[in-house]
Amino acid sequence: MLITTTSLVEGRPVREYLGLVVGEVIIGANIFRDLFAGIRDIVGGRAGSYENAMRGAGKEALAELEEEARALGADAVVGVDLDYEVVGERGGMLMVSISGTAVKLG
């Protein structure tokens, strides 16, 4: 499955637009991980445990997007946008959402 942030794939015209596809993942901010990130993981201004959690959530959201596109019979997703948003009371959760247009290429 070709997934791209561009609206076109050079040399492969869009034959059919199949619709919007979305992948969303919400991860909770564990209070103990928060505490220990401040003590243990911050090196040079970076928090490794947060980066790993965000990277994993992004991959999960991308897999959901691809699964939804395959169910529509797509061979590509164009115009992909990836967003991170803090949600929940007191910003206790992080939502990763990825969206794009499922297409069949020529």
N, C-alpha and C. Protein backbone atom coordinates (compact mmCIF):
# COMPACT_ATOMS: atom_id res chain seq x y z
N MET A 1 0.85 -1.17 0.00
CA MET A 1 0.00 0.00 0.00
C MET A 1 0.89 1.24 0.00
N LEU A 2 0.70 2.09 -0.96
CA LEU A 2 1.44 3.35 -1.04
C LEU A 2 0.71 4.39 -0.20
N ILE A 3 1.43 5.01 0.72
CA ILE A 3 0.84 6.04 1.59
C ILE A 3 1.73 7.27 1.47
N THR A 4 1.13 8.41 1.07
CA THR A 4 1.92 9.61 0.83
C THR A 4 1.19 10.87 1.28
N THR A 5 1.97 11.86 1.67
CA THR A 5 1.40 13.14 2.06
C THR A 5 1.06 14.00 0.84
N THR A 6 1.58 13.63 -0.31
CA THR A 6 1.30 14.39 -1.52
C THR A 6 -0.08 14.03 -2.07
N SER A 7 -0.64 14.94 -2.87
CA SER A 7 -1.99 14.69 -3.41
C SER A 7 -1.95 13.85 -4.69
N LEU A 8 -0.78 13.69 -5.26
CA LEU A 8 -0.62 12.91 -6.49
C LEU A 8 0.58 11.98 -6.35
N VAL A 9 0.58 10.93 -7.16
CA VAL A 9 1.72 10.04 -7.25
C VAL A 9 2.24 10.18 -8.67
N GLU A 10 3.45 10.69 -8.79
CA GLU A 10 4.02 10.97 -10.10
C GLU A 10 4.00 9.72 -11.00
N GLY A 11 3.45 9.89 -12.19
CA GLY A 11 3.39 8.80 -13.17
C GLY A 11 2.27 7.80 -12.93
N ARG A 12 1.47 7.99 -11.90
CA ARG A 12 0.36 7.08 -11.57
C ARG A 12 -0.90 7.90 -11.33
N PRO A 13 -1.68 8.16 -12.38
CA PRO A 13 -2.88 8.98 -12.19
C PRO A 13 -3.91 8.28 -11.30
N VAL A 14 -4.67 9.08 -10.57
CA VAL A 14 -5.75 8.54 -9.74
C VAL A 14 -6.88 8.12 -10.67
N ARG A 15 -7.24 6.85 -10.59
CA ARG A 15 -8.31 6.29 -11.42
C ARG A 15 -9.66 6.44 -10.73
N GLU A 16 -9.64 6.31 -9.39
CA GLU A 16 -10.90 6.37 -8.63
C GLU A 16 -10.62 6.82 -7.21
N TYR A 17 -11.44 7.76 -6.73
CA TYR A 17 -11.38 8.21 -5.33
C TYR A 17 -12.38 7.39 -4.53
N LEU A 18 -11.91 6.73 -3.48
CA LEU A 18 -12.77 5.82 -2.72
C LEU A 18 -13.28 6.41 -1.41
N GLY A 19 -12.70 7.50 -0.97
CA GLY A 19 -13.19 8.16 0.23
C GLY A 19 -12.13 8.39 1.29
N LEU A 20 -12.55 9.11 2.31
CA LEU A 20 -11.68 9.45 3.43
C LEU A 20 -11.45 8.23 4.31
N VAL A 21 -10.21 8.04 4.73
CA VAL A 21 -9.87 6.97 5.67
C VAL A 21 -9.13 7.60 6.85
N VAL A 22 -9.33 7.03 8.04
CA VAL A 22 -8.79 7.60 9.26
C VAL A 22 -8.25 6.50 10.15
N GLY A 23 -7.18 6.79 10.85
CA GLY A 23 -6.66 5.94 11.91
C GLY A 23 -6.49 6.79 13.15
N GLU A 24 -7.00 6.33 14.27
CA GLU A 24 -6.91 7.11 15.52
C GLU A 24 -6.49 6.21 16.67
N VAL A 25 -5.59 6.71 17.48
CA VAL A 25 -5.13 5.99 18.66
C VAL A 25 -5.05 6.99 19.80
N ILE A 26 -5.55 6.59 20.96
CA ILE A 26 -5.44 7.43 22.15
C ILE A 26 -4.64 6.66 23.19
N ILE A 27 -3.59 7.31 23.70
CA ILE A 27 -2.78 6.67 24.73
C ILE A 27 -2.86 7.52 25.99
N GLY A 28 -2.91 6.85 27.12
CA GLY A 28 -2.97 7.54 28.40
C GLY A 28 -1.59 7.87 28.90
N ALA A 29 -1.49 8.98 29.58
CA ALA A 29 -0.22 9.37 30.20
C ALA A 29 -0.18 8.76 31.60
N ASN A 30 0.59 7.72 31.75
CA ASN A 30 0.71 7.03 33.02
C ASN A 30 1.46 7.90 34.03
N ILE A 31 0.87 8.11 35.18
CA ILE A 31 1.48 9.00 36.18
C ILE A 31 2.86 8.53 36.63
N PHE A 32 3.07 7.23 36.73
CA PHE A 32 4.39 6.74 37.15
C PHE A 32 5.41 6.95 36.03
N ARG A 33 4.99 6.72 34.78
CA ARG A 33 5.90 6.97 33.67
C ARG A 33 6.26 8.45 33.63
N ASP A 34 5.27 9.34 33.90
CA ASP A 34 5.52 10.78 33.93
C ASP A 34 6.57 11.12 34.98
N LEU A 35 6.40 10.56 36.17
CA LEU A 35 7.34 10.83 37.25
C LEU A 35 8.75 10.38 36.89
N PHE A 36 8.86 9.14 36.41
CA PHE A 36 10.17 8.60 36.12
C PHE A 36 10.79 9.20 34.86
N ALA A 37 9.96 9.67 33.94
CA ALA A 37 10.51 10.33 32.75
C ALA A 37 11.29 11.57 33.17
N GLY A 38 10.76 12.28 34.15
CA GLY A 38 11.44 13.48 34.63
C GLY A 38 12.74 13.16 35.33
N ILE A 39 12.80 12.02 35.97
CA ILE A 39 13.99 11.65 36.74
C ILE A 39 15.01 10.90 35.89
N ARG A 40 14.54 9.93 35.10
CA ARG A 40 15.43 8.97 34.47
C ARG A 40 15.66 9.22 32.99
N ASP A 41 14.62 9.57 32.22
CA ASP A 41 14.73 9.55 30.76
C ASP A 41 15.20 10.85 30.12
N ILE A 42 15.12 11.94 30.82
CA ILE A 42 15.44 13.21 30.17
C ILE A 42 16.96 13.37 30.10
N VAL A 43 17.44 13.32 28.86
CA VAL A 43 18.87 13.48 28.60
C VAL A 43 18.98 14.45 27.43
N GLY A 44 19.61 15.56 27.66
CA GLY A 44 19.73 16.53 26.58
C GLY A 44 18.39 17.11 26.16
N GLY A 45 17.43 17.17 27.09
CA GLY A 45 16.13 17.76 26.79
C GLY A 45 15.15 16.83 26.12
N ARG A 46 15.46 15.54 26.02
CA ARG A 46 14.56 14.58 25.35
C ARG A 46 14.06 13.56 26.36
N ALA A 47 12.80 13.16 26.20
CA ALA A 47 12.20 12.15 27.08
C ALA A 47 11.96 10.89 26.26
N GLY A 48 12.84 9.92 26.40
CA GLY A 48 12.80 8.70 25.60
C GLY A 48 11.51 7.92 25.71
N SER A 49 10.96 7.80 26.92
CA SER A 49 9.74 7.00 27.07
C SER A 49 8.57 7.65 26.33
N TYR A 50 8.50 8.98 26.35
CA TYR A 50 7.44 9.68 25.61
C TYR A 50 7.62 9.50 24.11
N GLU A 51 8.85 9.65 23.65
CA GLU A 51 9.12 9.50 22.22
C GLU A 51 8.74 8.11 21.74
N ASN A 52 9.08 7.10 22.51
CA ASN A 52 8.74 5.73 22.12
C ASN A 52 7.23 5.51 22.11
N ALA A 53 6.53 6.06 23.11
CA ALA A 53 5.08 5.92 23.17
C ALA A 53 4.43 6.61 21.98
N MET A 54 4.90 7.80 21.64
CA MET A 54 4.33 8.54 20.50
C MET A 54 4.63 7.82 19.19
N ARG A 55 5.83 7.31 19.05
CA ARG A 55 6.20 6.59 17.83
C ARG A 55 5.31 5.35 17.66
N GLY A 56 5.11 4.61 18.74
CA GLY A 56 4.26 3.42 18.69
C GLY A 56 2.82 3.77 18.36
N ALA A 57 2.30 4.84 18.95
CA ALA A 57 0.92 5.26 18.67
C ALA A 57 0.79 5.69 17.21
N GLY A 58 1.79 6.37 16.69
CA GLY A 58 1.77 6.77 15.28
C GLY A 58 1.73 5.57 14.34
N LYS A 59 2.52 4.55 14.66
CA LYS A 59 2.53 3.34 13.83
C LYS A 59 1.19 2.61 13.89
N GLU A 60 0.58 2.57 15.09
CA GLU A 60 -0.74 1.95 15.22
C GLU A 60 -1.79 2.68 14.41
N ALA A 61 -1.77 4.01 14.48
CA ALA A 61 -2.74 4.82 13.73
C ALA A 61 -2.55 4.61 12.23
N LEU A 62 -1.30 4.54 11.79
CA LEU A 62 -1.00 4.31 10.37
C LEU A 62 -1.51 2.94 9.93
N ALA A 63 -1.35 1.92 10.78
CA ALA A 63 -1.84 0.57 10.46
C ALA A 63 -3.36 0.57 10.34
N GLU A 64 -4.05 1.32 11.22
CA GLU A 64 -5.51 1.43 11.13
C GLU A 64 -5.93 2.08 9.83
N LEU A 65 -5.24 3.15 9.44
CA LEU A 65 -5.53 3.85 8.19
C LEU A 65 -5.38 2.89 7.01
N GLU A 66 -4.29 2.15 6.99
CA GLU A 66 -4.03 1.21 5.90
C GLU A 66 -5.09 0.12 5.85
N GLU A 67 -5.48 -0.39 7.01
CA GLU A 67 -6.51 -1.43 7.08
C GLU A 67 -7.84 -0.92 6.52
N GLU A 68 -8.20 0.30 6.87
CA GLU A 68 -9.45 0.89 6.37
C GLU A 68 -9.39 1.08 4.86
N ALA A 69 -8.23 1.52 4.35
CA ALA A 69 -8.06 1.72 2.91
C ALA A 69 -8.15 0.40 2.16
N ARG A 70 -7.53 -0.65 2.69
CA ARG A 70 -7.59 -1.97 2.05
C ARG A 70 -9.03 -2.48 1.99
N ALA A 71 -9.80 -2.23 3.05
CA ALA A 71 -11.21 -2.67 3.07
C ALA A 71 -12.02 -1.99 1.98
N LEU A 72 -11.60 -0.81 1.54
CA LEU A 72 -12.29 -0.11 0.45
C LEU A 72 -11.77 -0.54 -0.92
N GLY A 73 -10.71 -1.35 -0.95
CA GLY A 73 -10.13 -1.80 -2.20
C GLY A 73 -9.09 -0.85 -2.77
N ALA A 74 -8.55 0.01 -1.93
CA ALA A 74 -7.57 1.00 -2.38
C ALA A 74 -6.19 0.36 -2.57
N ASP A 75 -5.40 0.98 -3.43
CA ASP A 75 -4.00 0.58 -3.53
C ASP A 75 -3.07 1.71 -3.11
N ALA A 76 -3.67 2.85 -2.68
CA ALA A 76 -2.87 3.96 -2.17
C ALA A 76 -3.75 4.87 -1.31
N VAL A 77 -3.08 5.65 -0.47
CA VAL A 77 -3.73 6.70 0.30
C VAL A 77 -2.93 7.97 0.04
N VAL A 78 -3.60 9.01 -0.45
CA VAL A 78 -2.92 10.27 -0.77
C VAL A 78 -3.39 11.38 0.16
N GLY A 79 -2.61 12.45 0.19
CA GLY A 79 -2.98 13.61 1.01
C GLY A 79 -3.00 13.32 2.50
N VAL A 80 -2.11 12.47 2.97
CA VAL A 80 -2.11 12.03 4.36
C VAL A 80 -1.65 13.17 5.28
N ASP A 81 -2.37 13.31 6.40
CA ASP A 81 -2.06 14.30 7.42
C ASP A 81 -2.00 13.60 8.77
N LEU A 82 -0.96 13.85 9.53
CA LEU A 82 -0.76 13.24 10.84
C LEU A 82 -0.82 14.33 11.90
N ASP A 83 -1.67 14.12 12.93
CA ASP A 83 -1.82 15.10 14.00
C ASP A 83 -1.69 14.45 15.36
N TYR A 84 -1.11 15.20 16.30
CA TYR A 84 -1.02 14.81 17.70
C TYR A 84 -1.80 15.84 18.49
N GLU A 85 -2.65 15.39 19.40
CA GLU A 85 -3.50 16.30 20.18
C GLU A 85 -3.59 15.81 21.61
N VAL A 86 -3.46 16.71 22.56
CA VAL A 86 -3.65 16.38 23.97
C VAL A 86 -5.14 16.45 24.26
N VAL A 87 -5.69 15.39 24.86
CA VAL A 87 -7.12 15.33 25.15
C VAL A 87 -7.35 14.85 26.58
N GLY A 88 -8.59 14.94 27.01
CA GLY A 88 -8.96 14.45 28.33
C GLY A 88 -8.83 15.52 29.39
N GLU A 89 -9.40 15.21 30.52
CA GLU A 89 -9.30 16.12 31.66
C GLU A 89 -7.85 16.32 32.04
N ARG A 90 -7.46 17.56 32.19
CA ARG A 90 -6.09 17.92 32.57
C ARG A 90 -5.05 17.41 31.58
N GLY A 91 -5.46 17.20 30.34
CA GLY A 91 -4.50 16.77 29.32
C GLY A 91 -3.86 15.45 29.59
N GLY A 92 -4.63 14.50 30.15
CA GLY A 92 -4.08 13.23 30.57
C GLY A 92 -3.89 12.20 29.48
N MET A 93 -4.29 12.52 28.25
CA MET A 93 -4.16 11.54 27.17
C MET A 93 -3.65 12.22 25.90
N LEU A 94 -3.06 11.43 25.04
CA LEU A 94 -2.57 11.92 23.77
C LEU A 94 -3.29 11.17 22.67
N MET A 95 -3.87 11.92 21.71
CA MET A 95 -4.54 11.30 20.57
C MET A 95 -3.67 11.51 19.33
N VAL A 96 -3.44 10.44 18.63
CA VAL A 96 -2.74 10.48 17.36
C VAL A 96 -3.77 10.15 16.29
N SER A 97 -3.95 11.07 15.34
CA SER A 97 -4.90 10.79 14.26
C SER A 97 -4.20 11.03 12.93
N ILE A 98 -4.52 10.15 12.00
CA ILE A 98 -3.95 10.22 10.66
C ILE A 98 -5.11 10.04 9.69
N SER A 99 -5.16 10.88 8.67
CA SER A 99 -6.24 10.79 7.70
C SER A 99 -5.71 11.03 6.30
N GLY A 100 -6.45 10.54 5.33
CA GLY A 100 -6.07 10.71 3.94
C GLY A 100 -7.20 10.22 3.05
N THR A 101 -6.97 10.25 1.75
CA THR A 101 -7.96 9.83 0.78
C THR A 101 -7.52 8.50 0.15
N ALA A 102 -8.37 7.49 0.29
CA ALA A 102 -8.10 6.18 -0.31
C ALA A 102 -8.39 6.28 -1.82
N VAL A 103 -7.48 5.76 -2.63
CA VAL A 103 -7.62 5.85 -4.09
C VAL A 103 -7.18 4.54 -4.75
N LYS A 104 -7.64 4.41 -5.99
CA LYS A 104 -7.12 3.38 -6.89
C LYS A 104 -6.29 4.14 -7.93
N LEU A 105 -5.08 3.68 -8.15
CA LEU A 105 -4.20 4.34 -9.09
C LEU A 105 -4.28 3.68 -10.46
N GLY A 106 -3.97 4.47 -11.48
CA GLY A 106 -3.97 3.96 -12.85
C GLY A 106 -2.68 3.29 -13.19
